[in-house]
Amino acid sequence: MADDWWRSAAIYQLYVRSFADGDGDGTGDLAGVRARLPYLAGLGVDAIWFTPWYRSPLADGGYDVADYRSIDPAFGTLAEAEKLIAEARDLGLRVIVDIVPNHVSVQHPWFRSALAAGPGSPERELFHFRPGRGAHGELPPNNWPSQFSGGTWTRVPDGEWYLHLFTPEQPDLNWAHPAVRQEHEDVLRFWFERGAAGVRVDSAALLAKDPELADATGDDDTSGYVDRDELHTVYRAWRAVADDYGGVLIGELWVPDPERFARYLRPDELHTAFNFDFLTRPWDAAALRASIDATLAYHAPVGAPATWVLCNHDVTRTVTRYGRADTRFDFATKRFGTPTDLGLGLRRARAAALLSLALPGSVYLYQGEELGLPEVEVDRAHIQDPMHARSGGVDPGRDGCRVPLPWTAHGATYGFGESGESWLPQPPGWGTYAAEGQEDDPHSMLSLYRRALRLRACQPGFRGAELGWLSAPDGILAFTRGHALVCVVNLGTEPARLPPHQGVLLSSGSLDGDGRLPADTAAWLRT
């Protein structure tokens, strides 16, 4: 691939704990990943993005980092990570690592030193320590809401409070401090020098805080800690580091204003950023077209490629979401016991796969989506995600999309590992989705993704940034890519006639006897 491989790459998101267990302790690890690298190469993706694999007490699934330069012992060693990066490269796969710059773990050496040093110390200046309000400092320093449920301040024994936008185990760093900036630039260099091709930046819009830590003026006021202008100086410095190594920066940016979102993608800042608007839209032709149009429009002025994703390690799996009465995604509406038609959801997920893979830009595939895995409703006794506990048990959390993958049809953990257990329980019948069983089935979700990724890589029509809409009835999306490719998606309720074409390259389901496209089906046409 060319130096601008990231502009059209297919990237596989790998959640290490749940991918494959190589040492038999019930937790996925780097040994398991290394053994399955040929599977990923055969799938047809261009790169693998690893969610955090660093030393961590796992208060928030690894996003509470204790050491950015070491691998958590549950996953392996730094030497093994270096081998994995090299072995992946030999198979034509690039590796993207995850950096968590907004916060660290309470076990990080910096934070432990800050607690020991006490109020007014230089060590505490690396974080946001403040005295409390009220007559005896018993009230939090401000009223900012948590990104999870609950408060954002925790009081320590000497009376001061520290800020954490997520859990108390994740204290926020002070990005106004030069040592914080220098440390993260050094961490970038550390991983680029070990062969990483890119870095995904977690919670990229949250780093900078209002120096005064002023109260929010209402429930919707996030101006004190989201999308502050100071952030652009940080990412310009990061871009200079990345350019030294030919590396790529990918931002996790929940920024609803399209113009402000695009500022992060200027040529001297981040290369790309996740497109969460597309992910949250319902299974509706008008809504999805509006998202596609808006996405392409606000990327164009800065010359950045769009990105497309259907779900990730935080979001309800596509098969389940598209089988519900409300097919949108919203963290605030996740509840136990929501009815789902998995047959309907699978048909729509297959069609959505062809839609997302046909759009110009790069695409992200979360592990298990290629198997058509549904969301698992994890028993309350086994839930580990802090979102569940901090919501008072109302939110089922994110563990349902993190259940370990099934590789074989049988066995105690369906081929995930040899120990007979997994860190999250797999439901009965999980083996019906196993990769082993889908390998030779031409109608399986795995076969669909493999064929689609292969065509996407070799068909000239998928290259470039052009997309042209075709006239189509309500409920139908139809667009051209290049001069010889058309994608048609039927989101309506009745079969639809296809536009003139020379042949069908691929379809997500069988066409009707008269050649019409059934509801909840997509097709790639050669013109």
Protein backbone atom coordinates (compact mmCIF):
# COMPACT_ATOMS: atom_id res chain seq x y z
CA MET A 1 0.00 0.00 0.00
CA ALA A 2 1.07 3.58 -0.58
CA ASP A 3 2.11 6.01 2.14
CA ASP A 4 -1.49 7.27 2.27
CA TRP A 5 -2.80 3.75 2.98
CA TRP A 6 -4.90 5.13 5.82
CA ARG A 7 -7.14 7.05 3.42
CA SER A 8 -8.95 3.91 2.26
CA ALA A 9 -7.87 1.23 4.73
CA ALA A 10 -10.04 -1.48 6.26
CA ILE A 11 -9.03 -1.61 9.92
CA TYR A 12 -9.93 -4.40 12.36
CA GLN A 13 -10.54 -3.37 15.96
CA LEU A 14 -9.11 -6.02 18.28
CA TYR A 15 -10.14 -6.17 21.95
CA VAL A 16 -7.32 -8.32 23.33
CA ARG A 17 -9.11 -9.74 26.39
CA SER A 18 -11.82 -11.26 24.21
CA PHE A 19 -10.06 -12.26 20.99
CA ALA A 20 -8.13 -15.48 21.74
CA ASP A 21 -6.58 -16.98 24.88
CA GLY A 22 -3.16 -18.44 24.15
CA ASP A 23 -2.02 -19.41 27.64
CA GLY A 24 -5.23 -20.94 28.95
CA ASP A 25 -5.94 -18.56 31.85
CA GLY A 26 -9.34 -17.45 30.57
CA THR A 27 -8.16 -14.03 29.34
CA GLY A 28 -7.28 -13.19 25.74
CA ASP A 29 -3.62 -12.35 25.19
CA LEU A 30 -0.94 -11.56 22.62
CA ALA A 31 -0.08 -15.24 22.21
CA GLY A 32 -3.66 -15.83 21.13
CA VAL A 33 -3.53 -12.92 18.70
CA ARG A 34 -0.24 -14.08 17.17
CA ALA A 35 -1.70 -17.53 16.55
CA ARG A 36 -4.69 -15.97 14.76
CA LEU A 37 -2.80 -13.45 12.60
CA PRO A 38 -3.27 -15.64 9.49
CA TYR A 39 -7.04 -15.46 10.09
CA LEU A 40 -6.89 -11.66 10.06
CA ALA A 41 -4.69 -11.59 6.97
CA GLY A 42 -7.14 -13.95 5.25
CA LEU A 43 -10.07 -11.75 6.21
CA GLY A 44 -8.59 -9.02 4.01
CA VAL A 45 -8.09 -6.13 6.39
CA ASP A 46 -5.16 -3.73 6.08
CA ALA A 47 -4.45 -2.97 9.73
CA ILE A 48 -5.27 -4.01 13.29
CA TRP A 49 -6.16 -1.48 15.97
CA PHE A 50 -5.49 -2.79 19.47
CA THR A 51 -7.49 -1.35 22.34
CA PRO A 52 -5.18 -0.69 25.35
CA TRP A 53 -2.80 -3.55 26.08
CA TYR A 54 -0.81 -1.65 28.73
CA ARG A 55 -0.24 -2.50 32.38
CA SER A 56 -3.55 -1.69 34.07
CA PRO A 57 -5.66 -2.69 37.09
CA LEU A 58 -8.56 -2.92 34.60
CA ALA A 59 -10.97 -0.66 36.47
CA ASP A 60 -12.25 0.40 33.03
CA GLY A 61 -11.25 -2.35 30.63
CA GLY A 62 -7.64 -1.17 30.29
CA TYR A 63 -8.42 2.50 29.76
CA ASP A 64 -6.94 3.13 33.21
CA VAL A 65 -3.25 2.92 32.26
CA ALA A 66 -0.55 2.41 34.88
CA ASP A 67 2.38 2.26 32.43
CA TYR A 68 2.24 3.29 28.76
CA ARG A 69 5.54 1.54 28.00
CA SER A 70 4.76 -1.97 29.21
CA ILE A 71 2.27 -4.68 28.34
CA ASP A 72 -0.08 -5.92 31.03
CA PRO A 73 1.19 -9.30 32.30
CA ALA A 74 -2.23 -10.81 31.62
CA PHE A 75 -1.62 -10.16 27.90
CA GLY A 76 2.12 -10.86 27.60
CA THR A 77 5.32 -8.84 27.46
CA LEU A 78 6.76 -5.89 25.57
CA ALA A 79 9.04 -8.27 23.66
CA GLU A 80 5.99 -10.25 22.58
CA ALA A 81 4.24 -7.08 21.41
CA GLU A 82 7.29 -6.22 19.31
CA LYS A 83 7.22 -9.72 17.79
CA LEU A 84 3.51 -9.36 17.07
CA ILE A 85 4.04 -6.05 15.27
CA ALA A 86 6.82 -7.60 13.15
CA GLU A 87 4.84 -10.77 12.38
CA ALA A 88 1.79 -8.76 11.41
CA ARG A 89 3.90 -6.63 9.10
CA ASP A 90 5.23 -9.78 7.41
CA LEU A 91 1.61 -10.72 6.66
CA GLY A 92 0.84 -7.26 5.24
CA LEU A 93 -0.93 -6.03 8.37
CA ARG A 94 -0.12 -2.74 10.06
CA VAL A 95 -0.60 -2.28 13.80
CA ILE A 96 -2.30 0.71 15.44
CA VAL A 97 -1.94 1.18 19.19
CA ASP A 98 -4.30 2.99 21.54
CA ILE A 99 -3.10 5.99 23.57
CA VAL A 100 -5.21 7.23 26.52
CA PRO A 101 -4.06 10.82 27.15
CA ASN A 102 -6.92 12.29 29.18
CA HIS A 103 -6.26 10.28 32.32
CA VAL A 104 -4.11 7.60 33.93
CA SER A 105 -4.71 4.90 36.53
CA VAL A 106 -4.55 5.63 40.25
CA GLN A 107 -1.70 3.11 40.17
CA HIS A 108 0.34 5.21 37.74
CA PRO A 109 3.60 6.37 39.42
CA TRP A 110 2.73 10.02 38.85
CA PHE A 111 -0.54 9.78 40.73
CA ARG A 112 0.90 7.73 43.57
CA SER A 113 3.61 10.37 43.98
CA ALA A 114 1.00 13.13 43.92
CA LEU A 115 -0.95 11.51 46.75
CA ALA A 116 2.19 11.07 48.81
CA ALA A 117 3.49 14.60 48.18
CA GLY A 118 0.44 16.41 49.51
CA PRO A 119 -1.28 19.75 48.78
CA GLY A 120 0.65 22.43 46.93
CA SER A 121 3.34 20.02 45.69
CA PRO A 122 4.74 20.01 42.13
CA GLU A 123 3.57 16.40 41.83
CA ARG A 124 -0.06 17.44 42.25
CA GLU A 125 0.27 20.03 39.50
CA LEU A 126 0.30 17.17 36.97
CA PHE A 127 -3.37 16.55 37.85
CA HIS A 128 -6.37 18.66 38.85
CA PHE A 129 -6.25 18.74 42.65
CA ARG A 130 -8.37 21.41 44.33
CA PRO A 131 -9.72 22.26 47.78
CA GLY A 132 -13.40 21.59 48.19
CA ARG A 133 -16.21 24.07 48.60
CA GLY A 134 -18.39 24.52 51.67
CA ALA A 135 -17.46 25.49 55.20
CA HIS A 136 -15.16 22.52 55.64
CA GLY A 137 -14.26 21.74 52.03
CA GLU A 138 -16.81 18.94 52.06
CA LEU A 139 -18.32 19.81 48.66
CA PRO A 140 -16.75 19.08 45.23
CA PRO A 141 -14.85 21.96 43.56
CA ASN A 142 -17.36 22.19 40.70
CA ASN A 143 -20.50 20.61 39.26
CA TRP A 144 -19.17 18.90 36.14
CA PRO A 145 -21.01 15.67 35.23
CA SER A 146 -19.19 12.39 34.64
CA GLN A 147 -18.82 10.76 31.23
CA PHE A 148 -20.20 7.77 33.14
CA SER A 149 -22.92 8.16 35.75
CA GLY A 150 -21.99 9.72 39.09
CA GLY A 151 -19.67 12.50 40.17
CA THR A 152 -16.35 13.72 38.78
CA TRP A 153 -14.48 14.50 42.00
CA THR A 154 -13.02 12.28 44.71
CA ARG A 155 -11.72 13.53 48.05
CA VAL A 156 -8.40 12.24 49.42
CA PRO A 157 -7.52 11.93 53.14
CA ASP A 158 -5.74 15.32 53.32
CA GLY A 159 -8.97 17.06 52.26
CA GLU A 160 -8.22 17.94 48.63
CA TRP A 161 -10.24 16.65 45.72
CA TYR A 162 -9.06 15.37 42.32
CA LEU A 163 -10.89 15.49 39.01
CA HIS A 164 -11.86 12.38 37.02
CA LEU A 165 -14.25 12.71 34.09
CA PHE A 166 -14.62 8.92 34.11
CA THR A 167 -14.21 6.69 37.20
CA PRO A 168 -12.37 7.61 40.44
CA GLU A 169 -9.71 5.12 39.34
CA GLN A 170 -8.93 7.35 36.32
CA PRO A 171 -7.60 10.77 37.49
CA ASP A 172 -7.46 13.39 34.74
CA LEU A 173 -4.08 14.80 33.75
CA ASN A 174 -3.40 18.53 33.63
CA TRP A 175 -2.65 19.21 29.97
CA ALA A 176 -1.59 22.77 30.72
CA HIS A 177 1.55 21.31 32.32
CA PRO A 178 4.56 20.96 29.96
CA ALA A 179 5.68 17.68 31.55
CA VAL A 180 2.36 16.06 30.62
CA ARG A 181 2.78 17.15 27.01
CA GLN A 182 6.38 16.02 26.84
CA GLU A 183 5.63 12.64 28.34
CA HIS A 184 2.98 11.83 25.76
CA GLU A 185 5.14 12.93 22.86
CA ASP A 186 7.81 10.58 24.21
CA VAL A 187 5.24 7.76 24.44
CA LEU A 188 4.32 8.31 20.79
CA ARG A 189 7.99 8.01 19.82
CA PHE A 190 8.32 4.88 21.94
CA TRP A 191 5.64 3.01 19.98
CA PHE A 192 6.51 4.38 16.56
CA GLU A 193 10.08 3.20 17.12
CA ARG A 194 8.73 -0.29 17.82
CA GLY A 195 6.96 -0.44 14.51
CA ALA A 196 3.48 0.88 15.22
CA ALA A 197 1.98 2.37 12.06
CA GLY A 198 -0.51 4.55 13.86
CA VAL A 199 -2.02 5.72 17.12
CA ARG A 200 -5.68 5.92 18.03
CA VAL A 201 -6.27 8.77 20.50
CA ASP A 202 -8.85 7.95 23.14
CA SER A 203 -11.30 10.69 24.26
CA ALA A 204 -9.36 13.10 22.09
CA ALA A 205 -11.66 16.09 22.71
CA LEU A 206 -11.46 16.01 26.52
CA LEU A 207 -7.82 16.72 27.39
CA ALA A 208 -7.85 20.51 27.88
CA LYS A 209 -9.80 21.95 30.80
CA ASP A 210 -10.95 25.45 31.75
CA PRO A 211 -8.09 26.73 33.98
CA GLU A 212 -10.67 28.12 36.40
CA LEU A 213 -12.64 24.85 36.50
CA ALA A 214 -15.77 26.98 36.50
CA ASP A 215 -19.17 25.42 37.06
CA ALA A 216 -21.20 24.27 34.08
CA THR A 217 -24.14 26.60 33.51
CA GLY A 218 -26.53 23.80 32.62
CA ASP A 219 -26.82 20.11 31.71
CA ASP A 220 -25.65 20.78 28.15
CA ASP A 221 -22.72 23.02 29.04
CA THR A 222 -19.52 21.06 28.37
CA SER A 223 -17.42 24.06 27.39
CA GLY A 224 -15.13 23.62 30.38
CA TYR A 225 -13.75 20.27 29.25
CA VAL A 226 -14.86 19.36 25.70
CA ASP A 227 -13.37 20.64 22.42
CA ARG A 228 -11.36 23.51 23.84
CA ASP A 229 -9.22 25.54 21.44
CA GLU A 230 -6.00 24.73 23.34
CA LEU A 231 -6.22 21.16 22.07
CA HIS A 232 -5.10 22.09 18.56
CA THR A 233 -1.67 23.07 19.84
CA VAL A 234 -1.35 19.59 21.39
CA TYR A 235 -2.25 17.78 18.18
CA ARG A 236 -0.01 19.94 16.03
CA ALA A 237 2.89 18.84 18.22
CA TRP A 238 1.76 15.22 17.96
CA ARG A 239 1.50 15.49 14.17
CA ALA A 240 5.11 16.65 14.00
CA VAL A 241 6.15 13.54 15.95
CA ALA A 242 4.02 11.24 13.79
CA ASP A 243 5.40 12.74 10.58
CA ASP A 244 8.94 11.95 11.73
CA TYR A 245 8.02 8.26 11.62
CA GLY A 246 5.44 8.20 8.82
CA GLY A 247 2.83 7.40 11.47
CA VAL A 248 -0.90 8.08 11.48
CA LEU A 249 -3.03 9.75 14.19
CA ILE A 250 -6.68 8.71 14.56
CA GLY A 251 -8.92 10.63 16.94
CA GLU A 252 -11.87 9.46 18.99
CA LEU A 253 -13.82 12.70 18.78
CA TRP A 254 -17.36 13.06 20.05
CA VAL A 255 -17.76 16.61 18.71
CA PRO A 256 -21.27 17.27 17.34
CA ASP A 257 -20.45 20.54 15.54
CA PRO A 258 -19.22 19.50 12.05
CA GLU A 259 -17.14 22.63 11.54
CA ARG A 260 -15.35 22.24 14.87
CA PHE A 261 -14.90 18.50 14.25
CA ALA A 262 -13.18 19.23 10.93
CA ARG A 263 -10.67 21.57 12.59
CA TYR A 264 -8.97 18.54 14.15
CA LEU A 265 -8.41 17.13 10.65
CA ARG A 266 -6.51 20.04 9.19
CA PRO A 267 -3.32 18.94 7.40
CA ASP A 268 -1.09 19.64 10.41
CA GLU A 269 -3.27 17.89 13.02
CA LEU A 270 -4.94 14.45 13.13
CA HIS A 271 -5.05 12.32 9.98
CA THR A 272 -8.54 10.92 10.56
CA ALA A 273 -11.22 10.73 13.24
CA PHE A 274 -14.06 8.34 13.99
CA ASN A 275 -17.42 9.20 12.47
CA PHE A 276 -19.85 8.51 15.30
CA ASP A 277 -22.77 10.22 13.59
CA PHE A 278 -23.07 7.36 11.07
CA LEU A 279 -22.89 4.78 13.86
CA THR A 280 -25.76 6.32 15.83
CA ARG A 281 -28.23 6.72 12.94
CA PRO A 282 -31.30 4.48 12.62
CA TRP A 283 -31.86 1.96 9.83
CA ASP A 284 -33.53 4.57 7.65
CA ALA A 285 -32.58 5.64 4.14
CA ALA A 286 -33.10 9.37 4.64
CA ALA A 287 -31.22 9.43 7.96
CA LEU A 288 -28.25 7.45 6.63
CA ARG A 289 -28.05 9.53 3.45
CA ALA A 290 -28.09 12.72 5.51
CA SER A 291 -25.23 11.37 7.61
CA ILE A 292 -23.20 10.34 4.56
CA ASP A 293 -23.72 13.71 2.88
CA ALA A 294 -22.81 15.67 6.01
CA THR A 295 -19.76 13.52 6.68
CA LEU A 296 -18.34 13.92 3.19
CA ALA A 297 -19.15 17.64 3.17
CA TYR A 298 -17.26 18.53 6.34
CA HIS A 299 -14.27 16.36 5.52
CA ALA A 300 -13.82 17.80 2.04
CA PRO A 301 -12.54 21.31 2.94
CA VAL A 302 -9.67 19.91 5.02
CA GLY A 303 -8.82 17.13 2.56
CA ALA A 304 -9.28 14.36 5.14
CA PRO A 305 -10.90 11.00 4.38
CA ALA A 306 -14.13 10.04 6.07
CA THR A 307 -14.31 7.00 8.33
CA TRP A 308 -17.20 4.55 8.68
CA VAL A 309 -17.99 2.21 11.55
CA LEU A 310 -21.08 0.27 12.60
CA CYS A 311 -20.11 -0.59 16.17
CA ASN A 312 -17.15 -0.88 18.54
CA HIS A 313 -16.22 -2.10 22.02
CA ASP A 314 -18.53 0.49 23.62
CA VAL A 315 -21.58 0.13 21.38
CA THR A 316 -24.43 -2.38 21.03
CA ARG A 317 -23.57 -4.90 18.32
CA THR A 318 -25.02 -4.23 14.89
CA VAL A 319 -27.09 -7.42 14.57
CA THR A 320 -28.87 -6.67 17.85
CA ARG A 321 -29.33 -2.95 17.31
CA TYR A 322 -30.79 -3.32 13.82
CA GLY A 323 -33.22 -5.97 15.06
CA ARG A 324 -34.90 -3.63 17.52
CA ALA A 325 -37.86 -1.31 17.14
CA ASP A 326 -35.53 1.65 17.76
CA THR A 327 -32.47 1.08 15.58
CA ARG A 328 -30.56 4.17 16.72
CA PHE A 329 -27.73 4.00 19.21
CA ASP A 330 -27.74 6.15 22.31
CA PHE A 331 -25.87 5.40 25.54
CA ALA A 332 -28.71 6.93 27.53
CA THR A 333 -31.32 4.46 26.24
CA LYS A 334 -29.48 1.16 26.88
CA ARG A 335 -31.65 -1.06 29.07
CA PHE A 336 -31.98 -4.72 30.05
CA GLY A 337 -34.57 -6.87 28.30
CA THR A 338 -34.98 -4.83 25.10
CA PRO A 339 -36.72 -7.12 22.55
CA THR A 340 -34.68 -7.97 19.44
CA ASP A 341 -35.49 -9.83 16.20
CA LEU A 342 -32.07 -11.33 15.46
CA GLY A 343 -33.12 -12.63 12.04
CA LEU A 344 -34.12 -9.15 10.93
CA GLY A 345 -31.02 -7.69 12.56
CA LEU A 346 -28.74 -10.11 10.72
CA ARG A 347 -30.25 -9.25 7.32
CA ARG A 348 -29.80 -5.55 8.00
CA ALA A 349 -26.28 -6.02 9.38
CA ARG A 350 -25.27 -7.86 6.19
CA ALA A 351 -26.67 -5.02 4.08
CA ALA A 352 -25.03 -2.42 6.32
CA ALA A 353 -21.68 -4.14 5.87
CA LEU A 354 -21.86 -3.66 2.10
CA LEU A 355 -23.05 -0.08 2.52
CA SER A 356 -20.20 0.92 4.84
CA LEU A 357 -17.56 -0.90 2.78
CA ALA A 358 -18.74 0.86 -0.39
CA LEU A 359 -18.39 4.39 0.97
CA PRO A 360 -15.28 6.48 0.21
CA GLY A 361 -12.71 6.61 2.99
CA SER A 362 -11.56 4.13 5.60
CA VAL A 363 -13.71 1.61 7.44
CA TYR A 364 -13.43 0.03 10.89
CA LEU A 365 -14.59 -3.50 11.65
CA TYR A 366 -15.01 -4.47 15.31
CA GLN A 367 -13.99 -8.03 16.11
CA GLY A 368 -16.87 -10.48 15.85
CA GLU A 369 -18.87 -8.34 13.46
CA GLU A 370 -17.51 -10.53 10.66
CA LEU A 371 -19.15 -13.48 12.45
CA GLY A 372 -22.50 -11.75 12.88
CA LEU A 373 -22.29 -11.88 16.68
CA PRO A 374 -25.26 -10.46 18.58
CA GLU A 375 -25.07 -8.47 21.80
CA VAL A 376 -25.04 -10.72 24.87
CA GLU A 377 -27.15 -9.76 27.87
CA VAL A 378 -24.58 -10.58 30.54
CA ASP A 379 -25.95 -11.74 33.88
CA ARG A 380 -25.77 -8.95 36.44
CA ALA A 381 -23.55 -11.05 38.69
CA HIS A 382 -20.87 -11.23 36.00
CA ILE A 383 -20.93 -7.64 34.68
CA GLN A 384 -17.56 -5.91 35.09
CA ASP A 385 -18.13 -2.64 33.22
CA PRO A 386 -18.19 0.33 35.64
CA MET A 387 -20.95 2.00 33.61
CA HIS A 388 -23.36 -0.56 35.05
CA ALA A 389 -22.46 0.00 38.70
CA ARG A 390 -22.27 3.79 38.37
CA SER A 391 -25.77 3.88 36.84
CA GLY A 392 -27.21 2.16 39.89
CA GLY A 393 -27.70 -1.02 37.90
CA VAL A 394 -29.95 0.57 35.26
CA ASP A 395 -27.47 0.57 32.36
CA PRO A 396 -26.43 -2.97 31.30
CA GLY A 397 -22.99 -1.60 30.45
CA ARG A 398 -20.72 -2.49 27.56
CA ASP A 399 -19.75 -6.05 28.42
CA GLY A 400 -22.38 -7.44 26.05
CA CYS A 401 -20.26 -6.58 23.02
CA ARG A 402 -17.03 -7.75 24.71
CA VAL A 403 -17.88 -11.42 25.27
CA PRO A 404 -14.98 -13.63 24.06
CA LEU A 405 -15.14 -14.78 20.45
CA PRO A 406 -16.22 -18.31 19.47
CA TRP A 407 -13.67 -20.04 17.23
CA THR A 408 -15.04 -23.59 17.27
CA ALA A 409 -18.54 -25.01 17.41
CA HIS A 410 -17.90 -27.03 20.57
CA GLY A 411 -15.85 -26.96 23.74
CA ALA A 412 -16.14 -25.20 27.07
CA THR A 413 -15.13 -21.83 25.59
CA TYR A 414 -15.81 -22.58 21.92
CA GLY A 415 -12.13 -22.48 21.04
CA PHE A 416 -11.38 -19.21 22.80
CA GLY A 417 -8.89 -20.97 25.09
CA GLU A 418 -8.05 -24.31 26.66
CA SER A 419 -8.80 -23.49 30.28
CA GLY A 420 -12.50 -24.22 30.15
CA GLU A 421 -13.44 -20.71 31.27
CA SER A 422 -13.42 -17.15 29.94
CA TRP A 423 -13.22 -13.83 31.76
CA LEU A 424 -16.78 -13.06 30.67
CA PRO A 425 -19.19 -15.99 30.32
CA GLN A 426 -20.19 -17.01 26.81
CA PRO A 427 -23.88 -17.82 26.36
CA PRO A 428 -25.18 -21.30 25.47
CA GLY A 429 -25.15 -21.89 21.72
CA TRP A 430 -22.33 -19.37 21.15
CA GLY A 431 -20.64 -21.97 18.97
CA THR A 432 -23.28 -21.55 16.25
CA TYR A 433 -21.45 -18.32 15.36
CA ALA A 434 -17.99 -19.91 15.40
CA ALA A 435 -15.45 -18.94 12.75
CA GLU A 436 -14.79 -22.66 12.18
CA GLY A 437 -18.37 -23.25 11.12
CA GLN A 438 -18.47 -20.21 8.81
CA GLU A 439 -15.17 -20.88 6.99
CA ASP A 440 -16.61 -23.02 4.20
CA ASP A 441 -20.18 -21.72 4.19
CA PRO A 442 -20.55 -19.42 1.16
CA HIS A 443 -23.64 -17.85 2.72
CA SER A 444 -22.07 -17.02 6.10
CA MET A 445 -21.34 -13.53 7.40
CA LEU A 446 -17.63 -14.38 7.42
CA SER A 447 -17.72 -15.31 3.74
CA LEU A 448 -19.62 -12.13 2.92
CA TYR A 449 -17.00 -9.96 4.65
CA ARG A 450 -14.12 -11.81 3.00
CA ARG A 451 -15.59 -11.41 -0.48
CA ALA A 452 -16.50 -7.78 0.14
CA LEU A 453 -13.05 -6.86 1.47
CA ARG A 454 -11.37 -8.64 -1.43
CA LEU A 455 -13.51 -6.78 -3.98
CA ARG A 456 -13.02 -3.49 -2.17
CA ALA A 457 -9.26 -3.91 -2.45
CA CYS A 458 -9.12 -4.86 -6.12
CA GLN A 459 -11.98 -2.99 -7.82
CA PRO A 460 -10.82 0.37 -9.25
CA GLY A 461 -14.25 1.86 -8.61
CA PHE A 462 -13.66 1.83 -4.87
CA ARG A 463 -10.58 4.01 -5.14
CA GLY A 464 -10.74 7.75 -4.75
CA ALA A 465 -13.16 9.97 -2.90
CA GLU A 466 -15.96 10.24 -5.45
CA LEU A 467 -19.55 9.34 -4.66
CA GLY A 468 -22.54 10.19 -6.87
CA TRP A 469 -26.13 9.66 -5.84
CA LEU A 470 -28.57 8.04 -8.27
CA SER A 471 -32.26 8.80 -8.42
CA ALA A 472 -34.10 6.18 -6.36
CA PRO A 473 -37.50 5.64 -4.72
CA ASP A 474 -38.06 6.40 -1.05
CA GLY A 475 -36.32 3.87 1.15
CA ILE A 476 -33.58 3.11 -1.38
CA LEU A 477 -29.97 4.31 -1.32
CA ALA A 478 -28.18 4.08 -4.66
CA PHE A 479 -24.83 5.64 -5.51
CA THR A 480 -21.95 5.28 -7.89
CA ARG A 481 -18.28 4.80 -7.07
CA GLY A 482 -16.02 5.64 -9.99
CA HIS A 483 -17.37 4.87 -13.44
CA ALA A 484 -18.17 1.19 -13.15
CA LEU A 485 -19.57 0.51 -9.69
CA VAL A 486 -22.99 1.05 -8.12
CA CYS A 487 -24.09 0.25 -4.56
CA VAL A 488 -27.82 -0.17 -3.93
CA VAL A 489 -29.34 -0.68 -0.47
CA ASN A 490 -33.02 -1.39 0.10
CA LEU A 491 -34.07 -0.01 3.49
CA GLY A 492 -37.74 -0.12 2.54
CA THR A 493 -40.37 -2.81 3.01
CA GLU A 494 -40.89 -3.98 -0.60
CA PRO A 495 -38.53 -5.43 -3.24
CA ALA A 496 -36.97 -2.79 -5.50
CA ARG A 497 -35.86 -2.79 -9.11
CA LEU A 498 -32.15 -2.45 -9.65
CA PRO A 499 -30.73 0.30 -11.88
CA PRO A 500 -29.31 -0.79 -15.26
CA HIS A 501 -26.16 -2.86 -14.78
CA GLN A 502 -23.90 -5.43 -16.43
CA GLY A 503 -23.77 -7.83 -13.50
CA VAL A 504 -23.98 -8.31 -9.74
CA LEU A 505 -20.58 -8.32 -8.06
CA LEU A 506 -21.93 -9.15 -4.62
CA SER A 507 -25.18 -9.03 -2.70
CA SER A 508 -25.93 -9.37 0.99
CA GLY A 509 -28.79 -11.78 0.25
CA SER A 510 -30.39 -13.55 -2.68
CA LEU A 511 -32.23 -11.47 -5.25
CA ASP A 512 -35.89 -12.19 -5.98
CA GLY A 513 -36.73 -14.42 -8.91
CA ASP A 514 -37.33 -11.43 -11.17
CA GLY A 515 -34.00 -9.87 -10.21
CA ARG A 516 -35.40 -7.35 -7.76
CA LEU A 517 -33.58 -6.42 -4.53
CA PRO A 518 -35.47 -7.60 -1.42
CA ALA A 519 -36.01 -5.39 1.61
CA ASP A 520 -33.03 -5.07 3.98
CA THR A 521 -30.62 -6.20 1.29
CA ALA A 522 -27.70 -4.52 -0.48
CA ALA A 523 -25.94 -5.21 -3.78
CA TRP A 524 -22.79 -4.09 -5.57
CA LEU A 525 -23.35 -3.80 -9.30
CA ARG A 526 -20.97 -3.65 -12.25
CA THR A 527 -22.08 -1.08 -14.82
